[in-house]
Protein backbone atom coordinates (compact mmCIF):
# COMPACT_ATOMS: atom_id res chain seq x y z
CA MET A 1 15.08 -19.15 -8.39
CA ASP A 2 15.03 -15.38 -8.30
CA HIS A 3 17.72 -13.66 -6.30
CA VAL A 4 16.48 -10.81 -4.14
CA THR A 5 18.86 -8.38 -2.51
CA LYS A 6 18.46 -7.33 1.09
CA LYS A 7 17.59 -3.84 -0.13
CA GLU A 8 14.80 -5.21 -2.35
CA ALA A 9 13.50 -7.43 0.45
CA ASP A 10 13.48 -4.52 2.89
CA ALA A 11 11.63 -2.32 0.39
CA TYR A 12 9.04 -5.07 -0.11
CA ASP A 13 8.62 -5.45 3.66
CA ARG A 14 8.08 -1.67 4.01
CA MET A 15 5.50 -1.76 1.23
CA ILE A 16 3.63 -4.62 2.92
CA ASP A 17 3.72 -2.75 6.25
CA ALA A 18 2.35 0.36 4.54
CA ALA A 19 -0.39 -1.74 2.93
CA GLY A 20 -1.36 -2.95 6.40
CA PHE A 21 -1.64 0.61 7.70
CA ILE A 22 -3.65 1.65 4.64
CA SER A 23 -5.95 -1.32 5.14
CA GLU A 24 -6.53 -0.34 8.78
CA LEU A 25 -7.29 3.23 7.74
CA LEU A 26 -9.80 2.11 5.14
CA GLU A 27 -11.43 -0.33 7.57
CA THR A 28 -12.03 2.45 10.11
CA SER A 29 -13.38 4.82 7.45
CA GLY A 30 -16.74 3.12 7.25
CA ILE A 31 -16.36 2.45 3.53
CA ALA A 32 -18.01 -0.86 2.65
CA ILE A 33 -15.45 -2.96 0.81
CA ASP A 34 -14.94 -6.69 0.44
CA GLU A 35 -11.95 -8.05 2.39
CA ASP A 36 -10.20 -9.33 -0.75
CA ASP A 37 -10.74 -6.02 -2.55
CA LEU A 38 -9.47 -4.16 0.51
CA GLU A 39 -6.26 -6.18 0.42
CA VAL A 40 -5.75 -5.65 -3.31
CA LEU A 41 -6.47 -1.91 -3.04
CA SER A 42 -4.19 -1.45 -0.03
CA ILE A 43 -1.29 -3.23 -1.70
CA PHE A 44 -1.85 -1.28 -4.93
CA ILE A 45 -1.80 2.06 -3.10
CA ALA A 46 1.29 1.11 -1.08
CA ASP A 47 3.09 -0.24 -4.16
CA ASN A 48 2.34 3.01 -6.01
CA ALA A 49 3.12 5.29 -3.07
CA ARG A 50 5.28 7.69 -5.10
CA SER A 51 2.51 8.31 -7.62
CA VAL A 52 -0.09 8.62 -4.88
CA MET A 53 2.06 11.15 -3.02
CA GLN A 54 2.57 13.17 -6.20
CA ILE A 55 -1.18 13.22 -6.83
CA LEU A 56 -1.88 14.30 -3.26
CA LYS A 57 0.73 17.08 -3.48
CA THR A 58 -1.10 18.58 -6.46
CA CYS A 59 -4.35 18.66 -4.48
CA ARG A 60 -3.06 20.97 -1.77
C-alpha cells in the first residue's frame, strides 16, 4: 500500500477542486466536448497548472 503524506493528499485535493472549477468554466463556454473528455482535460490542466500558468504569462 502506498503511503501518502497529508501534504500530498492536500495537494491532490486542491488539484481535484481546481479541475472541478476548470470543468465548470469549460461547460459554460459553449465548447462542445464529451463529458469524459471534459473530465480528462480538466484534470490534465489542473495537474499541469504550473506549466499552464507559465504559458499564459508569456501570452500577456
